[in-house]
């Protein structure tokens, strides 16, 4: 049993929770956009001060390692590493897709009432711009059946699996794929945003197995190279 600070900044959501034995004690969260550099440290300070909890009493810090927003991941990982250095606590890295897939697969009844014997697959999607998403497929119980990849979604995506099983598509990249994935077995239901709560159970499991990251060398899992873009109003014509 452990008390773990969980940090999720892989998307537009800035979310922190304090969890004990995988269960939420306290939570601070914003879904207003990529303001993580302003919000994250404030949320962490408020999480402990408002609940009269001494941060030195946590057992570990868990952080979403990606894939997702390049800037968001850098901020979350930097803050998590700083806390681990300062407090002398272990660091736990949790994949953003794995956290979503595992949580929804473990709590499938909240999102879809399956018939007896009906097999489902779970497909979290994080937006990667245009028709591309970061994604993977999970079975009931949260076991991944393939690696996390960056997929360009078209009418043939997931066709083999959709022939035999219903797939629940969810996450902030799912809605834009609805017009492409029109098979009767493609179900768009589940959470549309990430949250630190999704990390808690996996963080507890990793803590109990002593699966910690090297704080000095840990880096986010970007999956794709960062490409800087120039705002349209800044382009010289």
Protein backbone atom coordinates (compact mmCIF):
# COMPACT_ATOMS: atom_id res chain seq x y z
CA UNK A 1 0.00 0.00 0.00
CA UNK A 2 1.42 3.37 -1.03
CA UNK A 3 0.52 7.05 -1.18
CA UNK A 4 1.38 8.30 -4.67
CA UNK A 5 1.21 11.73 -6.30
CA UNK A 6 -0.02 11.27 -9.89
CA UNK A 7 0.66 13.86 -12.62
CA UNK A 8 -1.06 13.82 -16.03
CA UNK A 9 -0.16 16.48 -18.63
CA UNK A 10 -0.05 14.52 -21.90
CA UNK A 11 -3.05 16.33 -23.43
CA UNK A 12 -4.96 19.59 -22.91
CA UNK A 13 -5.92 18.36 -19.43
CA UNK A 14 -3.73 19.32 -16.47
CA UNK A 15 -4.54 16.83 -13.73
CA UNK A 16 -3.00 15.78 -10.41
CA UNK A 17 -4.25 13.35 -7.81
CA UNK A 18 -3.08 11.99 -4.51
CA UNK A 19 -3.98 8.32 -4.24
CA UNK A 20 -3.64 5.66 -1.58
CA UNK A 21 -3.69 2.01 -2.62
CA UNK A 22 -4.82 3.14 -6.09
CA UNK A 23 -7.83 5.07 -4.74
CA UNK A 24 -8.24 8.83 -5.07
CA UNK A 25 -7.76 10.88 -1.92
CA UNK A 26 -7.62 14.36 -3.48
CA UNK A 27 -7.72 15.78 -7.00
CA UNK A 28 -7.04 19.06 -8.83
CA UNK A 29 -7.78 19.36 -12.54
CA UNK A 30 -8.27 21.80 -15.39
CA UNK A 31 -9.60 21.06 -18.88
CA UNK A 32 -9.23 24.61 -20.18
CA UNK A 33 -6.27 24.02 -22.48
CA UNK A 34 -2.50 23.86 -22.49
CA UNK A 35 -1.75 26.07 -19.48
CA UNK A 36 0.28 23.40 -17.73
CA UNK A 37 3.30 25.63 -17.11
CA UNK A 38 1.10 27.98 -15.06
CA UNK A 39 -1.19 25.45 -13.42
CA UNK A 40 0.77 22.33 -12.55
CA UNK A 41 2.93 23.52 -9.66
CA UNK A 42 0.03 25.58 -8.29
CA UNK A 43 -2.24 22.53 -8.37
CA UNK A 44 0.34 20.43 -6.54
CA UNK A 45 0.86 23.06 -3.85
CA UNK A 46 -2.90 23.49 -3.39
CA UNK A 47 -3.49 19.74 -3.33
CA UNK A 48 -1.36 19.42 -0.21
CA UNK A 49 -2.05 22.76 1.51
CA UNK A 50 -5.84 22.61 1.15
CA UNK A 51 -5.92 19.10 2.61
CA UNK A 52 -3.29 19.63 5.33
CA UNK A 53 -1.18 16.82 3.92
CA UNK A 54 2.61 16.90 4.20
CA UNK A 55 4.15 16.24 0.79
CA UNK A 56 7.10 14.52 2.50
CA UNK A 57 4.72 11.71 3.49
CA UNK A 58 4.14 10.51 -0.07
CA UNK A 59 5.85 7.30 -1.15
CA UNK A 60 6.38 8.06 -4.85
CA UNK A 61 5.58 10.35 -7.78
CA UNK A 62 3.94 8.92 -10.90
CA UNK A 63 3.89 10.85 -14.17
CA UNK A 64 2.31 10.27 -17.55
CA UNK A 65 5.21 9.60 -19.91
CA UNK A 66 3.33 9.88 -23.20
CA UNK A 67 2.75 9.86 -26.03
CA UNK A 68 0.88 13.12 -26.30
CA UNK A 69 1.59 16.84 -26.30
CA UNK A 70 5.33 17.48 -26.57
CA UNK A 71 5.17 20.58 -24.38
CA UNK A 72 2.76 19.07 -21.88
CA UNK A 73 4.90 15.98 -21.42
CA UNK A 74 8.07 18.04 -20.94
CA UNK A 75 6.41 20.11 -18.23
CA UNK A 76 4.94 17.14 -16.38
CA UNK A 77 8.12 15.07 -16.46
CA UNK A 78 10.31 18.03 -15.43
CA UNK A 79 8.13 18.79 -12.41
CA UNK A 80 7.92 15.12 -11.43
CA UNK A 81 11.70 14.68 -11.63
CA UNK A 82 12.25 17.84 -9.60
CA UNK A 83 9.95 16.57 -6.87
CA UNK A 84 11.67 13.19 -6.79
CA UNK A 85 15.09 14.82 -6.51
CA UNK A 86 13.98 17.20 -3.79
CA UNK A 87 12.01 14.69 -1.74
CA UNK A 88 14.18 11.64 -2.34
CA UNK A 89 11.20 9.67 -3.66
CA UNK A 90 11.06 7.12 -6.51
CA UNK A 91 9.67 8.04 -9.93
CA UNK A 92 7.07 5.92 -11.74
CA UNK A 93 6.43 6.39 -15.47
CA UNK A 94 2.98 5.49 -16.83
CA UNK A 95 2.11 5.39 -20.53
CA UNK A 96 -0.79 7.72 -21.32
CA UNK A 97 -2.42 5.23 -23.71
CA UNK A 98 -1.85 2.33 -21.30
CA UNK A 99 -3.45 4.27 -18.45
CA UNK A 100 -6.59 5.05 -20.47
CA UNK A 101 -6.87 1.56 -21.94
CA UNK A 102 -6.33 -0.21 -18.65
CA UNK A 103 -8.81 1.97 -16.76
CA UNK A 104 -11.65 1.68 -19.27
CA UNK A 105 -11.10 -2.05 -19.79
CA UNK A 106 -11.20 -2.59 -16.03
CA UNK A 107 -14.35 -0.45 -15.69
CA UNK A 108 -16.07 -1.33 -18.96
CA UNK A 109 -19.51 -1.56 -17.36
CA UNK A 110 -19.49 2.20 -16.78
CA UNK A 111 -19.44 2.83 -20.52
CA UNK A 112 -21.11 -0.14 -22.24
CA UNK A 113 -23.40 -2.94 -21.11
CA UNK A 114 -22.06 -6.00 -22.90
CA UNK A 115 -24.24 -9.05 -23.47
CA UNK A 116 -23.28 -12.30 -21.78
CA UNK A 117 -20.25 -13.75 -23.53
CA UNK A 118 -19.78 -10.68 -25.72
CA UNK A 119 -16.10 -9.90 -26.29
CA UNK A 120 -14.98 -6.30 -26.42
CA UNK A 121 -11.80 -4.50 -27.36
CA UNK A 122 -10.87 -1.07 -26.05
CA UNK A 123 -9.15 1.58 -28.15
CA UNK A 124 -7.96 4.78 -26.44
CA UNK A 125 -7.03 7.55 -28.88
CA UNK A 126 -4.98 10.67 -28.22
CA UNK A 127 -5.11 13.33 -30.91
CA UNK A 128 -1.91 13.63 -32.95
CA UNK A 129 -3.25 16.25 -35.43
CA UNK A 130 -5.14 15.84 -38.69
CA UNK A 131 -6.42 12.24 -38.97
CA UNK A 132 -3.58 10.77 -36.92
CA UNK A 133 -3.92 9.42 -33.39
CA UNK A 134 -1.77 7.69 -30.80
CA UNK A 135 -3.49 4.43 -30.03
CA UNK A 136 -3.39 0.74 -29.09
CA UNK A 137 -5.91 -2.05 -28.53
CA UNK A 138 -6.68 -3.60 -25.15
CA UNK A 139 -8.61 -6.67 -24.07
CA UNK A 140 -10.92 -6.88 -21.08
CA UNK A 141 -8.77 -6.72 -17.97
CA UNK A 142 -6.45 -4.16 -19.52
CA UNK A 143 -3.99 -6.37 -21.41
CA UNK A 144 -2.60 -4.67 -24.53
CA UNK A 145 -2.70 -6.77 -27.70
CA UNK A 146 -0.41 -4.50 -29.71
CA UNK A 147 2.12 -1.74 -29.19
CA UNK A 148 1.27 1.94 -28.96
CA UNK A 149 1.58 3.49 -32.42
CA UNK A 150 0.77 6.67 -34.33
CA UNK A 151 -1.98 5.69 -36.77
CA UNK A 152 -3.50 7.64 -39.65
CA UNK A 153 -7.15 6.63 -39.50
CA UNK A 154 -9.07 5.73 -42.66
CA UNK A 155 -12.03 3.53 -43.60
CA UNK A 156 -9.91 0.36 -43.35
CA UNK A 157 -8.47 0.99 -39.90
CA UNK A 158 -9.14 -1.82 -37.39
CA UNK A 159 -11.13 -3.67 -40.09
CA UNK A 160 -9.87 -7.12 -39.13
CA UNK A 161 -10.81 -6.71 -35.47
CA UNK A 162 -14.14 -5.03 -36.23
CA UNK A 163 -15.25 -8.07 -38.23
CA UNK A 164 -15.37 -10.21 -35.09
CA UNK A 165 -15.56 -7.92 -32.06
CA UNK A 166 -17.02 -4.63 -30.93
CA UNK A 167 -14.44 -1.95 -30.23
CA UNK A 168 -14.96 0.96 -27.85
CA UNK A 169 -13.19 4.06 -29.17
CA UNK A 170 -12.56 6.88 -26.70
CA UNK A 171 -10.18 9.70 -25.82
CA UNK A 172 -9.70 13.16 -27.28
CA UNK A 173 -8.76 11.73 -30.68
CA UNK A 174 -11.80 9.48 -31.09
CA UNK A 175 -14.53 11.88 -32.18
CA UNK A 176 -12.73 13.00 -35.35
CA UNK A 177 -12.49 9.33 -36.40
CA UNK A 178 -16.22 8.69 -36.18
CA UNK A 179 -16.87 9.53 -39.85
CA UNK A 180 -14.17 7.09 -40.95
CA UNK A 181 -14.97 4.18 -38.64
CA UNK A 182 -18.56 3.41 -39.59
CA UNK A 183 -18.66 -0.36 -39.02
CA UNK A 184 -21.58 -1.46 -36.85
CA UNK A 185 -19.10 -2.81 -34.28
CA UNK A 186 -17.36 0.56 -33.89
CA UNK A 187 -18.71 2.12 -30.69
CA UNK A 188 -17.80 5.64 -29.64
CA UNK A 189 -18.32 5.64 -25.91
CA UNK A 190 -16.12 6.25 -22.91
CA UNK A 191 -14.13 9.16 -21.49
CA UNK A 192 -13.14 11.86 -23.97
CA UNK A 193 -10.31 13.24 -21.83
CA UNK A 194 -7.34 11.95 -19.89
CA UNK A 195 -7.07 12.33 -16.12
CA UNK A 196 -4.55 11.41 -13.44
CA UNK A 197 -7.15 9.06 -11.95
CA UNK A 198 -6.56 6.67 -14.85
CA UNK A 199 -2.93 6.27 -13.75
CA UNK A 200 -3.53 5.35 -10.15
CA UNK A 201 -4.00 1.59 -10.33
CA UNK A 202 -1.04 1.06 -12.67
CA UNK A 203 1.12 3.32 -10.48
CA UNK A 204 0.24 1.24 -7.42
CA UNK A 205 1.07 -1.98 -9.27
CA UNK A 206 4.44 -0.62 -10.41
CA UNK A 207 5.23 0.65 -6.92
CA UNK A 208 4.59 -2.78 -5.41
CA UNK A 209 6.89 -4.34 -8.03
CA UNK A 210 9.60 -1.70 -7.48
CA UNK A 211 9.38 -0.74 -11.16
CA UNK A 212 10.91 2.72 -10.88
CA UNK A 213 12.51 5.01 -13.44
CA UNK A 214 16.04 6.37 -13.32
CA UNK A 215 15.31 9.97 -12.33
CA UNK A 216 18.50 11.28 -13.92
CA UNK A 217 17.88 9.80 -17.37
CA UNK A 218 14.11 9.45 -17.64
CA UNK A 219 12.58 11.16 -20.68
CA UNK A 220 9.03 11.28 -22.08
CA UNK A 221 7.93 8.78 -24.73
CA UNK A 222 7.17 11.13 -27.61
CA UNK A 223 6.70 8.44 -30.29
CA UNK A 224 6.99 11.14 -32.98
CA UNK A 225 9.59 13.86 -33.43
CA UNK A 226 8.54 17.35 -32.38
CA UNK A 227 7.69 19.62 -35.32
CA UNK A 228 7.43 23.34 -34.63
CA UNK A 229 4.73 25.25 -36.48
CA UNK A 230 4.43 28.96 -37.23
CA UNK A 231 1.10 30.64 -36.43
CA UNK A 232 -0.62 31.89 -39.58
CA UNK A 233 -0.55 35.51 -38.41
CA UNK A 234 3.24 35.28 -38.05
CA UNK A 235 3.92 34.10 -41.60
CA UNK A 236 5.68 36.74 -43.72
CA UNK A 237 3.94 37.15 -47.05
